[in-house]
Amino acid sequence: MESKTMATLENLIKQEKWDDALQYCHNHKDAAIPEINAVLATPRLNGTLENFMYHCLRQIRTAGAAVRLAEGFNRGGRENAYGLIENPRPEAYPILKARLKSPKDERDKDLLLTMAQMDVPVEQRVADVKPYLHAKDLDARQGAILGLALLGDPGSTERMAYELGTKYPQAKSNFLRVFYDFRAWRIPKFVPALIPVLNDPMPLNDIGIRMYLPGGGEQSTTPDEERYCRARDYALNIIVKTLNLDLPFKIKDQTTYTKEQRDLVKQKLRDRGYTVTDEPYPATSD
């Protein structure tokens, strides 16, 4: 009797059996959702455990789980967005759309990028995301630009080039962060847009290399003195990780690569049929 009592999600969490809790959700599917909801309803639930509960929801690839992820969007950190990208059910889309504020007030690029990847007609996604090209907030504008690029909207390549050519380091960091920190956006179709950045010498502050902890939450992986390198180094990391290029040197976060190493990556890209330039994007004013 005791063993049956212990085999509940709540008890697995109390015992900090994180892997068992994830497996429990994977096995029980929709039947586990009420148990997840019960934990999420705990008063003064700490943020790490809240993130983990949404990570549990990611193990359940059903419409019910997608709806619950959409209802709690951003409450589980990036877990909600990852889960919806992995399980992009149309039932969740109206919930995400209802979360959108006006272009004047919206600030959430993750929401726009997630909506762009849901399983509803492309025309609907384009129509819903496009007004945010004129959002007041930079993050929202960049989310719309990338979301529309994912959907192949005309003018997307030019819009991405403009953003990647910005003369402002923080704006460039913000745009590259989507590829680099948010692993869900390392998508091969974006590689051509990133190639000119291999020539961009602009120094960038740390753009948020994070380590995601098994029980939820995240922490920085490098000391402060290593948090500075150049746009071209971030672009090299993104491209190599996206295409899984075979190289004789190690790819490490926040590393300054030599010209010889960058040239080798360019040659690998040429070998794969990419058009490669030795010039950065022309500098743009915002």
C-alpha atoms as a PDB file:
ATOM      1  CA  MET A   1       0.000   0.000   0.000  1.00  0.00           C
ATOM      2  CA  GLU A   2       2.874   2.318   0.904  1.00  0.00           C
ATOM      3  CA  SER A   3       4.522   1.962  -2.527  1.00  0.00           C
ATOM      4  CA  LYS A   4       1.279   2.898  -4.295  1.00  0.00           C
ATOM      5  CA  THR A   5       0.934   5.964  -2.089  1.00  0.00           C
ATOM      6  CA  MET A   6       4.436   7.084  -3.004  1.00  0.00           C
ATOM      7  CA  ALA A   7       3.878   6.668  -6.731  1.00  0.00           C
ATOM      8  CA  THR A   8       2.246  10.064  -7.221  1.00  0.00           C
ATOM      9  CA  LEU A   9       3.753  13.107  -8.850  1.00  0.00           C
ATOM     10  CA  GLU A  10       3.527  15.122  -5.642  1.00  0.00           C
ATOM     11  CA  ASN A  11       5.441  12.501  -3.669  1.00  0.00           C
ATOM     12  CA  LEU A  12       8.099  12.063  -6.345  1.00  0.00           C
ATOM     13  CA  ILE A  13       8.689  15.809  -6.211  1.00  0.00           C
ATOM     14  CA  LYS A  14       8.796  15.827  -2.407  1.00  0.00           C
ATOM     15  CA  GLN A  15      11.502  13.159  -2.639  1.00  0.00           C
ATOM     16  CA  GLU A  16      13.305  15.234  -5.320  1.00  0.00           C
ATOM     17  CA  LYS A  17      13.170  12.309  -7.737  1.00  0.00           C
ATOM     18  CA  TRP A  18      13.222  14.616 -10.736  1.00  0.00           C
ATOM     19  CA  ASP A  19      13.890  12.014 -13.437  1.00  0.00           C
ATOM     20  CA  ASP A  20      11.178   9.755 -12.029  1.00  0.00           C
ATOM     21  CA  ALA A  21       8.748  12.678 -12.017  1.00  0.00           C
ATOM     22  CA  LEU A  22       9.447  13.381 -15.692  1.00  0.00           C
ATOM     23  CA  GLN A  23       9.008   9.714 -16.570  1.00  0.00           C
ATOM     24  CA  TYR A  24       5.765   9.629 -14.565  1.00  0.00           C
ATOM     25  CA  CYS A  25       4.361  12.488 -16.670  1.00  0.00           C
ATOM     26  CA  HIS A  26       5.571  10.895 -19.887  1.00  0.00           C
ATOM     27  CA  ASN A  27       3.844   7.619 -18.963  1.00  0.00           C
ATOM     28  CA  HIS A  28       0.589   9.025 -17.579  1.00  0.00           C
ATOM     29  CA  LYS A  29       0.108  11.727 -20.235  1.00  0.00           C
ATOM     30  CA  ASP A  30      -3.169  13.668 -19.778  1.00  0.00           C
ATOM     31  CA  ALA A  31      -3.883  11.827 -16.531  1.00  0.00           C
ATOM     32  CA  ALA A  32      -0.882  13.616 -14.996  1.00  0.00           C
ATOM     33  CA  ILE A  33      -2.119  17.121 -15.872  1.00  0.00           C
ATOM     34  CA  PRO A  34      -4.444  17.471 -12.828  1.00  0.00           C
ATOM     35  CA  GLU A  35      -1.507  16.486 -10.608  1.00  0.00           C
ATOM     36  CA  ILE A  36       0.696  19.088 -12.308  1.00  0.00           C
ATOM     37  CA  ASN A  37      -2.048  21.683 -11.862  1.00  0.00           C
ATOM     38  CA  ALA A  38      -2.305  20.813  -8.168  1.00  0.00           C
ATOM     39  CA  VAL A  39       1.392  21.522  -7.654  1.00  0.00           C
ATOM     40  CA  LEU A  40       1.212  24.723  -9.709  1.00  0.00           C
ATOM     41  CA  ALA A  41      -1.662  25.885  -7.488  1.00  0.00           C
ATOM     42  CA  THR A  42       0.514  25.624  -4.371  1.00  0.00           C
ATOM     43  CA  PRO A  43       0.606  29.001  -2.568  1.00  0.00           C
ATOM     44  CA  ARG A  44       3.990  30.745  -2.764  1.00  0.00           C
ATOM     45  CA  LEU A  45       5.383  28.084  -5.111  1.00  0.00           C
ATOM     46  CA  ASN A  46       9.073  28.798  -5.698  1.00  0.00           C
ATOM     47  CA  GLY A  47      10.156  29.719  -9.202  1.00  0.00           C
ATOM     48  CA  THR A  48      12.496  26.774  -9.683  1.00  0.00           C
ATOM     49  CA  LEU A  49       9.749  24.253  -8.950  1.00  0.00           C
ATOM     50  CA  GLU A  50       7.265  26.166 -11.102  1.00  0.00           C
ATOM     51  CA  ASN A  51       9.693  25.949 -14.039  1.00  0.00           C
ATOM     52  CA  PHE A  52      10.110  22.235 -13.403  1.00  0.00           C
ATOM     53  CA  MET A  53       6.342  21.639 -13.454  1.00  0.00           C
ATOM     54  CA  TYR A  54       6.130  23.220 -16.896  1.00  0.00           C
ATOM     55  CA  HIS A  55       9.090  21.042 -17.878  1.00  0.00           C
ATOM     56  CA  CYS A  56       6.927  18.097 -16.771  1.00  0.00           C
ATOM     57  CA  LEU A  57       4.167  19.326 -19.091  1.00  0.00           C
ATOM     58  CA  ARG A  58       6.657  19.200 -21.970  1.00  0.00           C
ATOM     59  CA  GLN A  59       6.783  15.420 -21.547  1.00  0.00           C
ATOM     60  CA  ILE A  60       3.081  15.169 -22.455  1.00  0.00           C
ATOM     61  CA  ARG A  61       2.581  15.601 -26.196  1.00  0.00           C
ATOM     62  CA  THR A  62      -1.200  16.075 -26.190  1.00  0.00           C
ATOM     63  CA  ALA A  63      -3.588  18.918 -26.959  1.00  0.00           C
ATOM     64  CA  GLY A  64      -4.398  19.202 -23.250  1.00  0.00           C
ATOM     65  CA  ALA A  65      -0.750  19.742 -22.348  1.00  0.00           C
ATOM     66  CA  ALA A  66      -0.311  22.321 -25.123  1.00  0.00           C
ATOM     67  CA  VAL A  67      -3.331  24.250 -23.873  1.00  0.00           C
ATOM     68  CA  ARG A  68      -1.949  24.249 -20.332  1.00  0.00           C
ATOM     69  CA  LEU A  69       1.470  25.438 -21.566  1.00  0.00           C
ATOM     70  CA  ALA A  70      -0.226  28.266 -23.448  1.00  0.00           C
ATOM     71  CA  GLU A  71      -2.300  29.235 -20.411  1.00  0.00           C
ATOM     72  CA  GLY A  72       0.844  29.557 -18.310  1.00  0.00           C
ATOM     73  CA  PHE A  73       3.033  31.070 -21.022  1.00  0.00           C
ATOM     74  CA  ASN A  74       6.236  32.585 -19.524  1.00  0.00           C
ATOM     75  CA  ARG A  75       5.393  31.398 -16.009  1.00  0.00           C
ATOM     76  CA  GLY A  76       7.757  28.474 -16.584  1.00  0.00           C
ATOM     77  CA  GLY A  77      10.554  30.509 -18.108  1.00  0.00           C
ATOM     78  CA  ARG A  78      11.309  29.183 -21.584  1.00  0.00           C
ATOM     79  CA  GLU A  79       9.740  25.775 -20.837  1.00  0.00           C
ATOM     80  CA  ASN A  80       6.374  26.941 -22.167  1.00  0.00           C
ATOM     81  CA  ALA A  81       7.781  28.113 -25.480  1.00  0.00           C
ATOM     82  CA  TYR A  82       9.936  24.992 -25.924  1.00  0.00           C
ATOM     83  CA  GLY A  83       6.987  22.753 -25.108  1.00  0.00           C
ATOM     84  CA  LEU A  84       4.693  24.467 -27.595  1.00  0.00           C
ATOM     85  CA  ILE A  85       7.300  24.360 -30.359  1.00  0.00           C
ATOM     86  CA  GLU A  86       7.689  20.626 -29.730  1.00  0.00           C
ATOM     87  CA  ASN A  87       3.914  20.116 -29.561  1.00  0.00           C
ATOM     88  CA  PRO A  88       2.399  22.949 -31.663  1.00  0.00           C
ATOM     89  CA  ARG A  89      -1.289  22.094 -31.312  1.00  0.00           C
ATOM     90  CA  PRO A  90      -3.818  24.410 -32.961  1.00  0.00           C
ATOM     91  CA  GLU A  91      -5.941  24.315 -29.788  1.00  0.00           C
ATOM     92  CA  ALA A  92      -3.267  26.382 -28.028  1.00  0.00           C
ATOM     93  CA  TYR A  93      -3.081  29.115 -30.669  1.00  0.00           C
ATOM     94  CA  PRO A  94      -6.151  31.171 -29.654  1.00  0.00           C
ATOM     95  CA  ILE A  95      -4.858  31.260 -26.076  1.00  0.00           C
ATOM     96  CA  LEU A  96      -1.493  32.616 -27.241  1.00  0.00           C
ATOM     97  CA  LYS A  97      -3.163  35.126 -29.544  1.00  0.00           C
ATOM     98  CA  ALA A  98      -5.339  36.364 -26.689  1.00  0.00           C
ATOM     99  CA  ARG A  99      -2.172  37.123 -24.696  1.00  0.00           C
ATOM    100  CA  LEU A 100      -0.909  39.569 -27.327  1.00  0.00           C
ATOM    101  CA  LYS A 101      -1.030  43.211 -26.347  1.00  0.00           C
ATOM    102  CA  SER A 102      -1.228  46.005 -28.911  1.00  0.00           C
ATOM    103  CA  PRO A 103       1.911  46.748 -30.980  1.00  0.00           C
ATOM    104  CA  LYS A 104       2.313  49.825 -28.790  1.00  0.00           C
ATOM    105  CA  ASP A 105       2.509  47.733 -25.603  1.00  0.00           C
ATOM    106  CA  GLU A 106       3.761  44.238 -26.562  1.00  0.00           C
ATOM    107  CA  ARG A 107       7.304  43.342 -25.412  1.00  0.00           C
ATOM    108  CA  ASP A 108       7.415  39.534 -25.663  1.00  0.00           C
ATOM    109  CA  LYS A 109       9.385  38.234 -28.648  1.00  0.00           C
ATOM    110  CA  ASP A 110       9.124  34.647 -27.362  1.00  0.00           C
ATOM    111  CA  LEU A 111       5.338  34.840 -27.662  1.00  0.00           C
ATOM    112  CA  LEU A 112       5.518  36.079 -31.258  1.00  0.00           C
ATOM    113  CA  LEU A 113       8.114  33.466 -32.244  1.00  0.00           C
ATOM    114  CA  THR A 114       6.088  30.686 -30.645  1.00  0.00           C
ATOM    115  CA  MET A 115       2.900  31.775 -32.412  1.00  0.00           C
ATOM    116  CA  ALA A 116       4.807  31.739 -35.705  1.00  0.00           C
ATOM    117  CA  GLN A 117       5.510  28.010 -35.257  1.00  0.00           C
ATOM    118  CA  MET A 118       2.073  26.752 -34.218  1.00  0.00           C
ATOM    119  CA  ASP A 119       0.084  24.350 -36.388  1.00  0.00           C
ATOM    120  CA  VAL A 120      -2.442  26.763 -37.869  1.00  0.00           C
ATOM    121  CA  PRO A 121      -2.570  28.112 -41.450  1.00  0.00           C
ATOM    122  CA  VAL A 122       0.487  30.160 -42.421  1.00  0.00           C
ATOM    123  CA  GLU A 123      -1.711  33.012 -43.648  1.00  0.00           C
ATOM    124  CA  GLN A 124      -3.271  33.330 -40.199  1.00  0.00           C
ATOM    125  CA  ARG A 125       0.105  33.369 -38.459  1.00  0.00           C
ATOM    126  CA  VAL A 126       1.478  36.003 -40.847  1.00  0.00           C
ATOM    127  CA  ALA A 127      -1.604  38.185 -40.389  1.00  0.00           C
ATOM    128  CA  ASP A 128      -1.356  37.993 -36.598  1.00  0.00           C
ATOM    129  CA  VAL A 129       2.406  38.599 -36.340  1.00  0.00           C
ATOM    130  CA  LYS A 130       2.905  41.217 -39.066  1.00  0.00           C
ATOM    131  CA  PRO A 131       1.487  44.236 -37.172  1.00  0.00           C
ATOM    132  CA  TYR A 132       4.335  43.819 -34.671  1.00  0.00           C
ATOM    133  CA  LEU A 133       6.912  44.838 -37.280  1.00  0.00           C
ATOM    134  CA  HIS A 134       5.896  48.312 -36.119  1.00  0.00           C
ATOM    135  CA  ALA A 135       5.902  47.543 -32.392  1.00  0.00           C
ATOM    136  CA  LYS A 136       7.247  50.237 -30.111  1.00  0.00           C
ATOM    137  CA  ASP A 137       9.440  47.749 -28.217  1.00  0.00           C
ATOM    138  CA  LEU A 138      12.630  46.467 -29.887  1.00  0.00           C
ATOM    139  CA  ASP A 139      12.179  42.897 -28.602  1.00  0.00           C
ATOM    140  CA  ALA A 140       8.689  42.680 -30.063  1.00  0.00           C
ATOM    141  CA  ARG A 141       9.863  44.074 -33.416  1.00  0.00           C
ATOM    142  CA  GLN A 142      12.706  41.568 -33.566  1.00  0.00           C
ATOM    143  CA  GLY A 143      10.345  38.729 -32.635  1.00  0.00           C
ATOM    144  CA  ALA A 144       8.057  39.710 -35.491  1.00  0.00           C
ATOM    145  CA  ILE A 145      10.971  39.965 -37.943  1.00  0.00           C
ATOM    146  CA  LEU A 146      12.236  36.479 -37.069  1.00  0.00           C
ATOM    147  CA  GLY A 147       8.756  34.994 -36.911  1.00  0.00           C
ATOM    148  CA  LEU A 148       7.910  36.285 -40.379  1.00  0.00           C
ATOM    149  CA  ALA A 149      11.280  35.074 -41.677  1.00  0.00           C
ATOM    150  CA  LEU A 150      10.423  31.592 -40.399  1.00  0.00           C
ATOM    151  CA  LEU A 151       7.214  31.814 -42.405  1.00  0.00           C
ATOM    152  CA  GLY A 152       8.948  33.022 -45.581  1.00  0.00           C
ATOM    153  CA  ASP A 153       7.153  36.364 -45.651  1.00  0.00           C
ATOM    154  CA  PRO A 154       8.394  38.619 -48.501  1.00  0.00           C
ATOM    155  CA  GLY A 155      11.008  41.128 -47.351  1.00  0.00           C
ATOM    156  CA  SER A 156      12.157  38.975 -44.435  1.00  0.00           C
ATOM    157  CA  THR A 157      15.753  38.638 -45.650  1.00  0.00           C
ATOM    158  CA  GLU A 158      16.124  42.394 -45.989  1.00  0.00           C
ATOM    159  CA  ARG A 159      14.605  42.977 -42.558  1.00  0.00           C
ATOM    160  CA  MET A 160      17.031  40.499 -40.968  1.00  0.00           C
ATOM    161  CA  ALA A 161      20.006  42.107 -42.738  1.00  0.00           C
ATOM    162  CA  TYR A 162      18.959  45.507 -41.413  1.00  0.00           C
ATOM    163  CA  GLU A 163      18.776  44.225 -37.823  1.00  0.00           C
ATOM    164  CA  LEU A 164      22.087  42.365 -38.048  1.00  0.00           C
ATOM    165  CA  GLY A 165      23.775  45.487 -39.430  1.00  0.00           C
ATOM    166  CA  THR A 166      22.735  47.746 -36.567  1.00  0.00           C
ATOM    167  CA  LYS A 167      25.462  50.017 -35.233  1.00  0.00           C
ATOM    168  CA  TYR A 168      24.152  49.625 -31.675  1.00  0.00           C
ATOM    169  CA  PRO A 169      25.762  46.737 -29.742  1.00  0.00           C
ATOM    170  CA  GLN A 170      22.765  46.119 -27.475  1.00  0.00           C
ATOM    171  CA  ALA A 171      20.362  45.833 -30.409  1.00  0.00           C
ATOM    172  CA  LYS A 172      22.755  43.442 -32.183  1.00  0.00           C
ATOM    173  CA  SER A 173      23.119  41.393 -28.994  1.00  0.00           C
ATOM    174  CA  ASN A 174      19.349  41.212 -28.594  1.00  0.00           C
ATOM    175  CA  PHE A 175      18.910  39.856 -32.105  1.00  0.00           C
ATOM    176  CA  LEU A 176      21.728  37.304 -31.839  1.00  0.00           C
ATOM    177  CA  ARG A 177      20.489  36.188 -28.424  1.00  0.00           C
ATOM    178  CA  VAL A 178      17.472  34.586 -30.071  1.00  0.00           C
ATOM    179  CA  PHE A 179      19.727  32.174 -31.964  1.00  0.00           C
ATOM    180  CA  TYR A 180      22.364  31.712 -29.342  1.00  0.00           C
ATOM    181  CA  ASP A 181      20.732  31.585 -25.941  1.00  0.00           C
ATOM    182  CA  PHE A 182      17.379  30.266 -27.123  1.00  0.00           C
ATOM    183  CA  ARG A 183      18.391  26.949 -28.653  1.00  0.00           C
ATOM    184  CA  ALA A 184      14.987  26.492 -30.273  1.00  0.00           C
ATOM    185  CA  TRP A 185      15.816  29.067 -32.943  1.00  0.00           C
ATOM    186  CA  ARG A 186      18.986  27.436 -34.323  1.00  0.00           C
ATOM    187  CA  ILE A 187      17.360  26.813 -37.677  1.00  0.00           C
ATOM    188  CA  PRO A 188      19.367  26.086 -40.885  1.00  0.00           C
ATOM    189  CA  LYS A 189      17.281  28.415 -43.052  1.00  0.00           C
ATOM    190  CA  PHE A 190      18.735  31.365 -41.093  1.00  0.00           C
ATOM    191  CA  VAL A 191      22.383  30.466 -41.806  1.00  0.00           C
ATOM    192  CA  PRO A 192      22.673  32.607 -44.991  1.00  0.00           C
ATOM    193  CA  ALA A 193      21.546  35.670 -43.032  1.00  0.00           C
ATOM    194  CA  LEU A 194      24.206  35.022 -40.388  1.00  0.00           C
ATOM    195  CA  ILE A 195      27.163  34.522 -42.767  1.00  0.00           C
ATOM    196  CA  PRO A 196      28.048  38.250 -43.150  1.00  0.00           C
ATOM    197  CA  VAL A 197      28.143  38.503 -39.341  1.00  0.00           C
ATOM    198  CA  LEU A 198      31.252  36.269 -39.482  1.00  0.00           C
ATOM    199  CA  ASN A 199      33.016  39.467 -40.601  1.00  0.00           C
ATOM    200  CA  ASP A 200      31.523  41.786 -37.982  1.00  0.00           C
ATOM    201  CA  PRO A 201      34.186  42.962 -35.476  1.00  0.00           C
ATOM    202  CA  MET A 202      31.742  44.728 -33.128  1.00  0.00           C
ATOM    203  CA  PRO A 203      32.467  43.822 -29.479  1.00  0.00           C
ATOM    204  CA  LEU A 204      29.383  42.551 -27.687  1.00  0.00           C
ATOM    205  CA  ASN A 205      28.656  42.259 -24.005  1.00  0.00           C
ATOM    206  CA  ASP A 206      27.621  38.836 -22.695  1.00  0.00           C
ATOM    207  CA  ILE A 207      24.436  37.807 -24.501  1.00  0.00           C
ATOM    208  CA  GLY A 208      23.364  35.358 -21.872  1.00  0.00           C
ATOM    209  CA  ILE A 209      25.012  31.971 -22.100  1.00  0.00           C
ATOM    210  CA  ARG A 210      22.974  29.961 -19.619  1.00  0.00           C
ATOM    211  CA  MET A 211      23.038  26.491 -18.152  1.00  0.00           C
ATOM    212  CA  TYR A 212      19.599  24.973 -17.570  1.00  0.00           C
ATOM    213  CA  LEU A 213      19.477  23.012 -14.323  1.00  0.00           C
ATOM    214  CA  PRO A 214      17.894  19.517 -14.138  1.00  0.00           C
ATOM    215  CA  GLY A 215      15.304  20.570 -11.580  1.00  0.00           C
ATOM    216  CA  GLY A 216      14.372  23.750 -13.428  1.00  0.00           C
ATOM    217  CA  GLY A 217      15.972  27.187 -13.301  1.00  0.00           C
ATOM    218  CA  GLU A 218      19.201  28.380 -14.863  1.00  0.00           C
ATOM    219  CA  GLN A 219      22.539  29.918 -13.989  1.00  0.00           C
ATOM    220  CA  SER A 220      25.414  31.654 -15.747  1.00  0.00           C
ATOM    221  CA  THR A 221      28.153  29.318 -16.967  1.00  0.00           C
ATOM    222  CA  THR A 222      31.108  31.683 -17.213  1.00  0.00           C
ATOM    223  CA  PRO A 223      32.846  34.229 -14.962  1.00  0.00           C
ATOM    224  CA  ASP A 224      32.446  37.930 -15.697  1.00  0.00           C
ATOM    225  CA  GLU A 225      35.870  38.404 -17.273  1.00  0.00           C
ATOM    226  CA  GLU A 226      35.000  35.952 -20.063  1.00  0.00           C
ATOM    227  CA  ARG A 227      31.762  37.650 -21.009  1.00  0.00           C
ATOM    228  CA  TYR A 228      33.084  39.799 -23.846  1.00  0.00           C
ATOM    229  CA  CYS A 229      33.754  38.822 -27.430  1.00  0.00           C
ATOM    230  CA  ARG A 230      32.692  39.917 -30.893  1.00  0.00           C
ATOM    231  CA  ALA A 231      29.640  39.538 -33.078  1.00  0.00           C
ATOM    232  CA  ARG A 232      31.637  37.357 -35.486  1.00  0.00           C
ATOM    233  CA  ASP A 233      32.452  34.888 -32.681  1.00  0.00           C
ATOM    234  CA  TYR A 234      28.808  34.512 -31.735  1.00  0.00           C
ATOM    235  CA  ALA A 235      27.861  34.049 -35.399  1.00  0.00           C
ATOM    236  CA  LEU A 236      30.520  31.359 -35.797  1.00  0.00           C
ATOM    237  CA  ASN A 237      29.194  29.480 -32.762  1.00  0.00           C
ATOM    238  CA  ILE A 238      25.609  29.668 -33.988  1.00  0.00           C
ATOM    239  CA  ILE A 239      26.438  28.515 -37.527  1.00  0.00           C
ATOM    240  CA  VAL A 240      28.654  25.630 -36.412  1.00  0.00           C
ATOM    241  CA  LYS A 241      26.094  24.410 -33.873  1.00  0.00           C
ATOM    242  CA  THR A 242      23.216  24.766 -36.324  1.00  0.00           C
ATOM    243  CA  LEU A 243      24.920  22.812 -39.116  1.00  0.00           C
ATOM    244  CA  ASN A 244      26.997  20.536 -36.845  1.00  0.00           C
ATOM    245  CA  LEU A 245      30.146  21.346 -38.834  1.00  0.00           C
ATOM    246  CA  ASP A 246      33.149  19.058 -38.332  1.00  0.00           C
ATOM    247  CA  LEU A 247      36.119  21.239 -37.338  1.00  0.00           C
ATOM    248  CA  PRO A 248      39.657  20.584 -36.000  1.00  0.00           C
ATOM    249  CA  PHE A 249      39.182  23.106 -33.181  1.00  0.00           C
ATOM    250  CA  LYS A 250      36.784  23.165 -30.268  1.00  0.00           C
ATOM    251  CA  ILE A 251      33.688  25.345 -30.330  1.00  0.00           C
ATOM    252  CA  LYS A 252      33.299  27.011 -26.955  1.00  0.00           C
ATOM    253  CA  ASP A 253      30.906  29.625 -25.676  1.00  0.00           C
ATOM    254  CA  GLN A 254      32.325  33.143 -25.508  1.00  0.00           C
ATOM    255  CA  THR A 255      35.565  32.366 -27.308  1.00  0.00           C
ATOM    256  CA  THR A 256      37.517  34.671 -29.620  1.00  0.00           C
ATOM    257  CA  TYR A 257      38.318  32.771 -32.819  1.00  0.00           C
ATOM    258  CA  THR A 258      41.306  33.457 -35.071  1.00  0.00           C
ATOM    259  CA  LYS A 259      41.008  34.617 -38.673  1.00  0.00           C
ATOM    260  CA  GLU A 260      42.263  31.187 -39.773  1.00  0.00           C
ATOM    261  CA  GLN A 261      39.485  29.481 -37.831  1.00  0.00           C
ATOM    262  CA  ARG A 262      36.850  31.803 -39.269  1.00  0.00           C
ATOM    263  CA  ASP A 263      38.223  31.256 -42.776  1.00  0.00           C
ATOM    264  CA  LEU A 264      37.971  27.488 -42.295  1.00  0.00           C
ATOM    265  CA  VAL A 265      34.314  27.800 -41.307  1.00  0.00           C
ATOM    266  CA  LYS A 266      33.708  29.932 -44.404  1.00  0.00           C
ATOM    267  CA  GLN A 267      35.316  27.255 -46.575  1.00  0.00           C
ATOM    268  CA  LYS A 268      33.107  24.594 -44.991  1.00  0.00           C
ATOM    269  CA  LEU A 269      30.103  26.740 -45.854  1.00  0.00           C
ATOM    270  CA  ARG A 270      31.272  27.149 -49.465  1.00  0.00           C
ATOM    271  CA  ASP A 271      31.725  23.381 -49.673  1.00  0.00           C
ATOM    272  CA  ARG A 272      28.067  23.041 -48.682  1.00  0.00           C
ATOM    273  CA  GLY A 273      26.975  25.420 -51.409  1.00  0.00           C
ATOM    274  CA  TYR A 274      26.447  28.586 -49.378  1.00  0.00           C
ATOM    275  CA  THR A 275      27.309  31.984 -50.832  1.00  0.00           C
ATOM    276  CA  VAL A 276      30.003  33.423 -48.557  1.00  0.00           C
ATOM    277  CA  THR A 277      31.109  37.042 -48.320  1.00  0.00           C
ATOM    278  CA  ASP A 278      34.142  38.591 -46.635  1.00  0.00           C
ATOM    279  CA  GLU A 279      32.243  41.785 -45.816  1.00  0.00           C
ATOM    280  CA  PRO A 280      29.983  42.552 -42.839  1.00  0.00           C
ATOM    281  CA  TYR A 281      26.512  43.995 -43.278  1.00  0.00           C
ATOM    282  CA  PRO A 282      26.490  47.758 -43.966  1.00  0.00           C
ATOM    283  CA  ALA A 283      25.950  49.607 -40.683  1.00  0.00           C
ATOM    284  CA  THR A 284      22.357  50.683 -40.093  1.00  0.00           C
ATOM    285  CA  SER A 285      21.158  53.345 -37.695  1.00  0.00           C
ATOM    286  CA  ASP A 286      18.987  51.279 -35.340  1.00  0.00           C
END
